[in-house]
Amino acid sequence: DMKFVPPLILPAAAPPQPAGLTVRTGETWVFAVKNGEPANARKVDASASPARGQIRVSVRALLGTSMVVTNNSGTAYTFRAELLRGGRAMTARPCTLPANGRPIFEQWEQKADAVRIGAFKATDADGRC
């Protein structure tokens, strides 16, 4: 004697969100790096300084799109950057992010709505492009 078992209907899974932090043009954020990705991210005033162990990133519409990143930790990083415009992502090549509070300035001729950064990897390089 077999009983009818209705099929299990699961809600459609949401598409995976890309890892990283999306910083819209005009915004400044600070965060720590955990497992290679931004963690404990929060929006701050453009003049805020990153606390020890934090990274600050600002994105501006200057000469296309510009980004200033300051790493106030003892670890230098390489990382991924993507320019976002109209829902499309385009990989951008950032410099190595030096340690100990030394900023980098990135500038891309393309205008973007935001820059998504992530995939941080510790490196011994010293801010070379």
C-alpha atoms as a PDB file:
ATOM      1  CA  ASP A   1       0.000   0.000   0.000  1.00  0.00           C
ATOM      2  CA  MET A   2       1.856   3.086  -1.257  1.00  0.00           C
ATOM      3  CA  LYS A   3       1.036   6.542   0.000  1.00  0.00           C
ATOM      4  CA  PHE A   4       1.290   9.600  -2.204  1.00  0.00           C
ATOM      5  CA  VAL A   5       4.097  11.904  -1.099  1.00  0.00           C
ATOM      6  CA  PRO A   6       3.818  15.371  -2.649  1.00  0.00           C
ATOM      7  CA  PRO A   7       7.041  16.680  -4.181  1.00  0.00           C
ATOM      8  CA  LEU A   8       9.058  19.003  -2.033  1.00  0.00           C
ATOM      9  CA  ILE A   9       8.967  22.480  -3.521  1.00  0.00           C
ATOM     10  CA  LEU A  10      11.914  24.652  -2.618  1.00  0.00           C
ATOM     11  CA  PRO A  11      12.042  28.375  -3.246  1.00  0.00           C
ATOM     12  CA  ALA A  12      14.352  29.356  -6.074  1.00  0.00           C
ATOM     13  CA  ALA A  13      17.798  30.105  -4.734  1.00  0.00           C
ATOM     14  CA  ALA A  14      18.899  33.711  -5.039  1.00  0.00           C
ATOM     15  CA  PRO A  15      21.855  34.143  -7.342  1.00  0.00           C
ATOM     16  CA  PRO A  16      25.087  34.239  -5.355  1.00  0.00           C
ATOM     17  CA  GLN A  17      26.206  37.737  -4.496  1.00  0.00           C
ATOM     18  CA  PRO A  18      29.738  38.495  -5.605  1.00  0.00           C
ATOM     19  CA  ALA A  19      32.213  38.595  -2.763  1.00  0.00           C
ATOM     20  CA  GLY A  20      33.814  41.882  -1.897  1.00  0.00           C
ATOM     21  CA  LEU A  21      32.729  45.372  -0.988  1.00  0.00           C
ATOM     22  CA  THR A  22      30.942  47.681  -3.437  1.00  0.00           C
ATOM     23  CA  VAL A  23      31.841  51.345  -2.921  1.00  0.00           C
ATOM     24  CA  ARG A  24      29.634  53.735  -4.871  1.00  0.00           C
ATOM     25  CA  THR A  25      31.101  56.876  -6.403  1.00  0.00           C
ATOM     26  CA  GLY A  26      31.261  59.548  -3.693  1.00  0.00           C
ATOM     27  CA  GLU A  27      31.452  57.076  -0.784  1.00  0.00           C
ATOM     28  CA  THR A  28      34.209  56.280   1.719  1.00  0.00           C
ATOM     29  CA  TRP A  29      34.291  52.998   3.671  1.00  0.00           C
ATOM     30  CA  VAL A  30      36.532  51.379   6.289  1.00  0.00           C
ATOM     31  CA  PHE A  31      36.877  47.638   6.837  1.00  0.00           C
ATOM     32  CA  ALA A  32      39.151  44.873   8.054  1.00  0.00           C
ATOM     33  CA  VAL A  33      40.250  41.917   5.914  1.00  0.00           C
ATOM     34  CA  LYS A  34      39.010  38.507   7.033  1.00  0.00           C
ATOM     35  CA  ASN A  35      39.476  35.360   4.938  1.00  0.00           C
ATOM     36  CA  GLY A  36      40.576  37.546   2.032  1.00  0.00           C
ATOM     37  CA  GLU A  37      37.404  39.649   1.931  1.00  0.00           C
ATOM     38  CA  PRO A  38      36.299  42.959   3.483  1.00  0.00           C
ATOM     39  CA  ALA A  39      34.732  42.406   6.930  1.00  0.00           C
ATOM     40  CA  ASN A  40      32.954  44.714   9.382  1.00  0.00           C
ATOM     41  CA  ALA A  41      32.637  47.323   6.616  1.00  0.00           C
ATOM     42  CA  ARG A  42      30.995  50.641   7.422  1.00  0.00           C
ATOM     43  CA  LYS A  43      30.514  53.897   5.577  1.00  0.00           C
ATOM     44  CA  VAL A  44      32.475  56.833   7.068  1.00  0.00           C
ATOM     45  CA  ASP A  45      33.124  60.501   6.447  1.00  0.00           C
ATOM     46  CA  ALA A  46      35.715  61.121   3.717  1.00  0.00           C
ATOM     47  CA  SER A  47      38.111  62.631   6.278  1.00  0.00           C
ATOM     48  CA  ALA A  48      37.994  59.618   8.650  1.00  0.00           C
ATOM     49  CA  SER A  49      41.267  57.805   9.306  1.00  0.00           C
ATOM     50  CA  PRO A  50      41.340  54.011   9.355  1.00  0.00           C
ATOM     51  CA  ALA A  51      41.988  52.480  12.786  1.00  0.00           C
ATOM     52  CA  ARG A  52      44.946  50.115  13.240  1.00  0.00           C
ATOM     53  CA  GLY A  53      44.261  46.968  11.201  1.00  0.00           C
ATOM     54  CA  GLN A  54      41.675  48.675   8.974  1.00  0.00           C
ATOM     55  CA  ILE A  55      41.637  49.769   5.347  1.00  0.00           C
ATOM     56  CA  ARG A  56      39.889  52.915   4.076  1.00  0.00           C
ATOM     57  CA  VAL A  57      38.679  53.191   0.476  1.00  0.00           C
ATOM     58  CA  SER A  58      37.213  56.256  -1.268  1.00  0.00           C
ATOM     59  CA  VAL A  59      35.809  56.317  -4.810  1.00  0.00           C
ATOM     60  CA  ARG A  60      35.354  59.592  -6.721  1.00  0.00           C
ATOM     61  CA  ALA A  61      34.317  60.674 -10.214  1.00  0.00           C
ATOM     62  CA  LEU A  62      37.646  62.318 -11.027  1.00  0.00           C
ATOM     63  CA  LEU A  63      39.289  61.937 -14.450  1.00  0.00           C
ATOM     64  CA  GLY A  64      36.882  59.054 -15.085  1.00  0.00           C
ATOM     65  CA  THR A  65      36.899  57.055 -11.849  1.00  0.00           C
ATOM     66  CA  SER A  66      39.472  57.369  -9.090  1.00  0.00           C
ATOM     67  CA  MET A  67      40.011  55.397  -5.903  1.00  0.00           C
ATOM     68  CA  VAL A  68      42.247  56.115  -2.911  1.00  0.00           C
ATOM     69  CA  VAL A  69      42.984  53.182  -0.598  1.00  0.00           C
ATOM     70  CA  THR A  70      44.874  53.452   2.708  1.00  0.00           C
ATOM     71  CA  ASN A  71      45.919  50.278   4.518  1.00  0.00           C
ATOM     72  CA  ASN A  72      46.572  50.880   8.237  1.00  0.00           C
ATOM     73  CA  SER A  73      47.814  47.351   8.927  1.00  0.00           C
ATOM     74  CA  GLY A  74      51.223  45.730   8.890  1.00  0.00           C
ATOM     75  CA  THR A  75      50.303  43.511   5.914  1.00  0.00           C
ATOM     76  CA  ALA A  76      50.655  44.545   2.258  1.00  0.00           C
ATOM     77  CA  TYR A  77      47.974  43.153  -0.071  1.00  0.00           C
ATOM     78  CA  THR A  78      47.165  42.504  -3.676  1.00  0.00           C
ATOM     79  CA  PHE A  79      43.434  42.655  -4.414  1.00  0.00           C
ATOM     80  CA  ARG A  80      40.822  42.519  -7.154  1.00  0.00           C
ATOM     81  CA  ALA A  81      38.975  45.631  -8.316  1.00  0.00           C
ATOM     82  CA  GLU A  82      35.994  45.778 -10.663  1.00  0.00           C
ATOM     83  CA  LEU A  83      34.406  48.885 -12.147  1.00  0.00           C
ATOM     84  CA  LEU A  84      30.602  48.675 -12.076  1.00  0.00           C
ATOM     85  CA  ARG A  85      28.465  50.611 -14.521  1.00  0.00           C
ATOM     86  CA  GLY A  86      24.865  49.991 -15.501  1.00  0.00           C
ATOM     87  CA  GLY A  87      24.858  46.550 -13.865  1.00  0.00           C
ATOM     88  CA  ARG A  88      27.966  45.398 -15.740  1.00  0.00           C
ATOM     89  CA  ALA A  89      31.312  44.638 -14.118  1.00  0.00           C
ATOM     90  CA  MET A  90      34.668  45.257 -15.757  1.00  0.00           C
ATOM     91  CA  THR A  91      37.905  44.048 -14.171  1.00  0.00           C
ATOM     92  CA  ALA A  92      40.314  46.854 -13.351  1.00  0.00           C
ATOM     93  CA  ARG A  93      43.963  46.326 -12.483  1.00  0.00           C
ATOM     94  CA  PRO A  94      44.890  47.904  -9.136  1.00  0.00           C
ATOM     95  CA  CYS A  95      48.373  48.394  -7.712  1.00  0.00           C
ATOM     96  CA  THR A  96      49.661  46.473  -4.713  1.00  0.00           C
ATOM     97  CA  LEU A  97      48.375  48.014  -1.473  1.00  0.00           C
ATOM     98  CA  PRO A  98      51.354  48.786   0.791  1.00  0.00           C
ATOM     99  CA  ALA A  99      51.233  48.354   4.559  1.00  0.00           C
ATOM    100  CA  ASN A 100      51.568  50.858   7.400  1.00  0.00           C
ATOM    101  CA  GLY A 101      49.248  53.670   6.298  1.00  0.00           C
ATOM    102  CA  ARG A 102      50.732  54.457   2.896  1.00  0.00           C
ATOM    103  CA  PRO A 103      47.919  55.232   0.415  1.00  0.00           C
ATOM    104  CA  ILE A 104      47.593  54.251  -3.225  1.00  0.00           C
ATOM    105  CA  PHE A 105      45.766  56.276  -5.869  1.00  0.00           C
ATOM    106  CA  GLU A 106      44.074  54.412  -8.700  1.00  0.00           C
ATOM    107  CA  GLN A 107      42.599  56.153 -11.719  1.00  0.00           C
ATOM    108  CA  TRP A 108      40.680  54.621 -14.612  1.00  0.00           C
ATOM    109  CA  GLU A 109      39.496  56.644 -17.615  1.00  0.00           C
ATOM    110  CA  GLN A 110      36.123  54.845 -17.603  1.00  0.00           C
ATOM    111  CA  LYS A 111      33.305  56.422 -15.592  1.00  0.00           C
ATOM    112  CA  ALA A 112      31.840  53.940 -13.113  1.00  0.00           C
ATOM    113  CA  ASP A 113      28.870  53.933 -10.731  1.00  0.00           C
ATOM    114  CA  ALA A 114      30.920  52.011  -8.162  1.00  0.00           C
ATOM    115  CA  VAL A 115      34.044  49.934  -7.605  1.00  0.00           C
ATOM    116  CA  ARG A 116      33.849  46.445  -6.074  1.00  0.00           C
ATOM    117  CA  ILE A 117      37.003  45.304  -4.272  1.00  0.00           C
ATOM    118  CA  GLY A 118      37.847  41.945  -2.762  1.00  0.00           C
ATOM    119  CA  ALA A 119      40.072  38.847  -3.011  1.00  0.00           C
ATOM    120  CA  PHE A 120      42.727  40.358  -0.752  1.00  0.00           C
ATOM    121  CA  LYS A 121      45.940  38.320  -0.605  1.00  0.00           C
ATOM    122  CA  ALA A 122      48.887  39.087   1.664  1.00  0.00           C
ATOM    123  CA  THR A 123      52.047  39.915  -0.269  1.00  0.00           C
ATOM    124  CA  ASP A 124      55.552  41.055   0.486  1.00  0.00           C
ATOM    125  CA  ALA A 125      55.480  43.558  -2.397  1.00  0.00           C
ATOM    126  CA  ASP A 126      55.726  47.204  -1.499  1.00  0.00           C
ATOM    127  CA  GLY A 127      53.101  49.107  -3.480  1.00  0.00           C
ATOM    128  CA  ARG A 128      54.219  48.303  -7.014  1.00  0.00           C
ATOM    129  CA  CYS A 129      51.833  48.410  -9.958  1.00  0.00           C
END
